[in-house]
């Protein structure tokens, strides 16, 4: 039983790390897009 909980905790931990990396990459891409696009001066 303890082994299953340990494996589950590991899977949840890895999923959290992956989620944070994807979110950080997405935020970085959005920031670069905003910084490098010409402003709309209409």
PDB file of N, CA and C in Angstrom:
ATOM      1  N   UNK A   1       0.825  -1.188   0.000  1.00  0.00           N
ATOM      2  CA  UNK A   1       0.000   0.000   0.000  1.00  0.00           C
ATOM      3  C   UNK A   1       0.876   1.262   0.000  1.00  0.00           C
ATOM      4  N   UNK A   2       1.922   1.272   0.840  1.00  0.00           N
ATOM      5  CA  UNK A   2       2.809   2.429   0.915  1.00  0.00           C
ATOM      6  C   UNK A   2       3.522   2.653  -0.416  1.00  0.00           C
ATOM      7  N   UNK A   3       3.877   1.565  -1.092  1.00  0.00           N
ATOM      8  CA  UNK A   3       4.571   1.670  -2.375  1.00  0.00           C
ATOM      9  C   UNK A   3       3.673   2.336  -3.409  1.00  0.00           C
ATOM     10  N   UNK A   4       2.380   1.992  -3.417  1.00  0.00           N
ATOM     11  CA  UNK A   4       1.437   2.602  -4.354  1.00  0.00           C
ATOM     12  C   UNK A   4       1.293   4.100  -4.093  1.00  0.00           C
ATOM     13  N   UNK A   5       1.241   4.481  -2.810  1.00  0.00           N
ATOM     14  CA  UNK A   5       1.134   5.901  -2.474  1.00  0.00           C
ATOM     15  C   UNK A   5       2.389   6.658  -2.887  1.00  0.00           C
ATOM     16  N   UNK A   6       3.534   6.031  -2.722  1.00  0.00           N
ATOM     17  CA  UNK A   6       4.793   6.653  -3.114  1.00  0.00           C
ATOM     18  C   UNK A   6       4.844   6.845  -4.634  1.00  0.00           C
ATOM     19  N   UNK A   7       4.426   5.850  -5.370  1.00  0.00           N
ATOM     20  CA  UNK A   7       4.387   5.955  -6.836  1.00  0.00           C
ATOM     21  C   UNK A   7       3.402   7.038  -7.261  1.00  0.00           C
ATOM     22  N   UNK A   8       2.235   7.076  -6.631  1.00  0.00           N
ATOM     23  CA  UNK A   8       1.238   8.096  -6.948  1.00  0.00           C
ATOM     24  C   UNK A   8       1.778   9.491  -6.654  1.00  0.00           C
ATOM     25  N   UNK A   9       2.460   9.660  -5.535  1.00  0.00           N
ATOM     26  CA  UNK A   9       3.047  10.957  -5.195  1.00  0.00           C
ATOM     27  C   UNK A   9       4.111  11.355  -6.218  1.00  0.00           C
ATOM     28  N   UNK A  10       4.889  10.403  -6.680  1.00  0.00           N
ATOM     29  CA  UNK A  10       5.896  10.678  -7.708  1.00  0.00           C
ATOM     30  C   UNK A  10       5.270  11.106  -9.009  1.00  0.00           C
ATOM     31  N   UNK A  11       4.209  10.429  -9.412  1.00  0.00           N
ATOM     32  CA  UNK A  11       3.523  10.777 -10.664  1.00  0.00           C
ATOM     33  C   UNK A  11       2.921  12.175 -10.565  1.00  0.00           C
ATOM     34  N   UNK A  12       2.296  12.476  -9.421  1.00  0.00           N
ATOM     35  CA  UNK A  12       1.703  13.802  -9.227  1.00  0.00           C
ATOM     36  C   UNK A  12       2.799  14.873  -9.227  1.00  0.00           C
ATOM     37  N   UNK A  13       3.914  14.590  -8.618  1.00  0.00           N
ATOM     38  CA  UNK A  13       5.032  15.532  -8.598  1.00  0.00           C
ATOM     39  C   UNK A  13       5.575  15.804  -9.986  1.00  0.00           C
ATOM     40  N   UNK A  14       5.765  14.760 -10.773  1.00  0.00           N
ATOM     41  CA  UNK A  14       6.255  14.921 -12.150  1.00  0.00           C
ATOM     42  C   UNK A  14       5.244  15.699 -12.980  1.00  0.00           C
ATOM     43  N   UNK A  15       3.956  15.399 -12.807  1.00  0.00           N
ATOM     44  CA  UNK A  15       2.920  16.126 -13.545  1.00  0.00           C
ATOM     45  C   UNK A  15       2.935  17.610 -13.182  1.00  0.00           C
ATOM     46  N   UNK A  16       3.145  17.940 -11.919  1.00  0.00           N
ATOM     47  CA  UNK A  16       3.193  19.340 -11.498  1.00  0.00           C
ATOM     48  C   UNK A  16       4.394  20.057 -12.118  1.00  0.00           C
ATOM     49  N   UNK A  17       5.539  19.391 -12.159  1.00  0.00           N
ATOM     50  CA  UNK A  17       6.734  19.993 -12.763  1.00  0.00           C
ATOM     51  C   UNK A  17       6.516  20.230 -14.244  1.00  0.00           C
ATOM     52  N   UNK A  18       5.961  19.246 -14.940  1.00  0.00           N
ATOM     53  CA  UNK A  18       5.701  19.390 -16.372  1.00  0.00           C
ATOM     54  C   UNK A  18       4.706  20.514 -16.619  1.00  0.00           C
ATOM     55  N   UNK A  19       3.650  20.575 -15.814  1.00  0.00           N
ATOM     56  CA  UNK A  19       2.648  21.628 -15.959  1.00  0.00           C
ATOM     57  C   UNK A  19       3.279  23.011 -15.786  1.00  0.00           C
ATOM     58  N   UNK A  20       4.134  23.158 -14.776  1.00  0.00           N
ATOM     59  CA  UNK A  20       4.778  24.448 -14.543  1.00  0.00           C
ATOM     60  C   UNK A  20       5.716  24.830 -15.677  1.00  0.00           C
ATOM     61  N   UNK A  21       6.438  23.867 -16.234  1.00  0.00           N
ATOM     62  CA  UNK A  21       7.337  24.160 -17.354  1.00  0.00           C
ATOM     63  C   UNK A  21       6.554  24.576 -18.594  1.00  0.00           C
ATOM     64  N   UNK A  22       5.448  23.898 -18.864  1.00  0.00           N
ATOM     65  CA  UNK A  22       4.625  24.251 -20.024  1.00  0.00           C
ATOM     66  C   UNK A  22       4.027  25.642 -19.841  1.00  0.00           C
ATOM     67  N   UNK A  23       3.541  25.931 -18.644  1.00  0.00           N
ATOM     68  CA  UNK A  23       2.953  27.242 -18.375  1.00  0.00           C
ATOM     69  C   UNK A  23       4.008  28.338 -18.513  1.00  0.00           C
ATOM     70  N   UNK A  24       5.206  28.106 -17.998  1.00  0.00           N
ATOM     71  CA  UNK A  24       6.275  29.093 -18.085  1.00  0.00           C
ATOM     72  C   UNK A  24       6.667  29.338 -19.545  1.00  0.00           C
ATOM     73  N   UNK A  25       6.746  28.281 -20.332  1.00  0.00           N
ATOM     74  CA  UNK A  25       7.094  28.430 -21.746  1.00  0.00           C
ATOM     75  C   UNK A  25       6.004  29.204 -22.481  1.00  0.00           C
ATOM     76  N   UNK A  26       4.762  28.927 -22.156  1.00  0.00           N
ATOM     77  CA  UNK A  26       3.642  29.622 -22.791  1.00  0.00           C
ATOM     78  C   UNK A  26       3.649  31.100 -22.422  1.00  0.00           C
ATOM     79  N   UNK A  27       3.889  31.403 -21.149  1.00  0.00           N
ATOM     80  CA  UNK A  27       3.958  32.799 -20.709  1.00  0.00           C
ATOM     81  C   UNK A  27       5.112  33.533 -21.389  1.00  0.00           C
ATOM     82  N   UNK A  28       6.244  32.871 -21.506  1.00  0.00           N
ATOM     83  CA  UNK A  28       7.413  33.468 -22.153  1.00  0.00           C
ATOM     84  C   UNK A  28       7.125  33.758 -23.625  1.00  0.00           C
ATOM     85  N   UNK A  29       6.477  32.820 -24.307  1.00  0.00           N
ATOM     86  CA  UNK A  29       6.143  33.016 -25.711  1.00  0.00           C
ATOM     87  C   UNK A  29       5.166  34.175 -25.881  1.00  0.00           C
ATOM     88  N   UNK A  30       4.184  34.277 -24.992  1.00  0.00           N
ATOM     89  CA  UNK A  30       3.221  35.370 -25.064  1.00  0.00           C
ATOM     90  C   UNK A  30       3.910  36.714 -24.826  1.00  0.00           C
ATOM     91  N   UNK A  31       4.863  36.739 -23.889  1.00  0.00           N
ATOM     92  CA  UNK A  31       5.591  37.971 -23.608  1.00  0.00           C
ATOM     93  C   UNK A  31       6.422  38.396 -24.814  1.00  0.00           C
ATOM     94  N   UNK A  32       7.123  37.457 -25.435  1.00  0.00           N
ATOM     95  CA  UNK A  32       7.912  37.782 -26.626  1.00  0.00           C
ATOM     96  C   UNK A  32       7.014  38.242 -27.762  1.00  0.00           C
ATOM     97  N   UNK A  33       5.864  37.623 -27.907  1.00  0.00           N
ATOM     98  CA  UNK A  33       4.937  38.037 -28.965  1.00  0.00           C
ATOM     99  C   UNK A  33       4.497  39.476 -28.739  1.00  0.00           C
ATOM    100  N   UNK A  34       4.165  39.803 -27.503  1.00  0.00           N
ATOM    101  CA  UNK A  34       3.732  41.165 -27.191  1.00  0.00           C
ATOM    102  C   UNK A  34       4.869  42.156 -27.398  1.00  0.00           C
ATOM    103  N   UNK A  35       6.086  41.772 -27.061  1.00  0.00           N
ATOM    104  CA  UNK A  35       7.230  42.682 -27.140  1.00  0.00           C
ATOM    105  C   UNK A  35       7.698  42.895 -28.571  1.00  0.00           C
ATOM    106  N   UNK A  36       7.453  41.959 -29.462  1.00  0.00           N
ATOM    107  CA  UNK A  36       8.008  42.037 -30.806  1.00  0.00           C
ATOM    108  C   UNK A  36       6.991  42.389 -31.870  1.00  0.00           C
ATOM    109  N   UNK A  37       5.729  42.516 -31.532  1.00  0.00           N
ATOM    110  CA  UNK A  37       4.733  42.909 -32.525  1.00  0.00           C
ATOM    111  C   UNK A  37       4.596  44.429 -32.516  1.00  0.00           C
ATOM    112  N   UNK A  38       4.327  44.970 -33.679  1.00  0.00           N
ATOM    113  CA  UNK A  38       4.182  46.417 -33.799  1.00  0.00           C
ATOM    114  C   UNK A  38       2.901  46.854 -33.079  1.00  0.00           C
ATOM    115  N   UNK A  39       2.961  47.986 -32.413  1.00  0.00           N
ATOM    116  CA  UNK A  39       1.737  48.462 -31.738  1.00  0.00           C
ATOM    117  C   UNK A  39       0.691  48.893 -32.752  1.00  0.00           C
ATOM    118  N   UNK A  40      -0.544  48.723 -32.372  1.00  0.00           N
ATOM    119  CA  UNK A  40      -1.665  49.117 -33.242  1.00  0.00           C
ATOM    120  C   UNK A  40      -1.980  50.580 -32.963  1.00  0.00           C
ATOM    121  N   UNK A  41      -1.529  51.468 -33.830  1.00  0.00           N
ATOM    122  CA  UNK A  41      -1.678  52.908 -33.588  1.00  0.00           C
ATOM    123  C   UNK A  41      -2.800  53.534 -34.407  1.00  0.00           C
ATOM    124  N   UNK A  42      -3.845  52.774 -34.639  1.00  0.00           N
ATOM    125  CA  UNK A  42      -4.952  53.319 -35.412  1.00  0.00           C
ATOM    126  C   UNK A  42      -5.727  54.353 -34.648  1.00  0.00           C
TER     127      UNK A  42
END
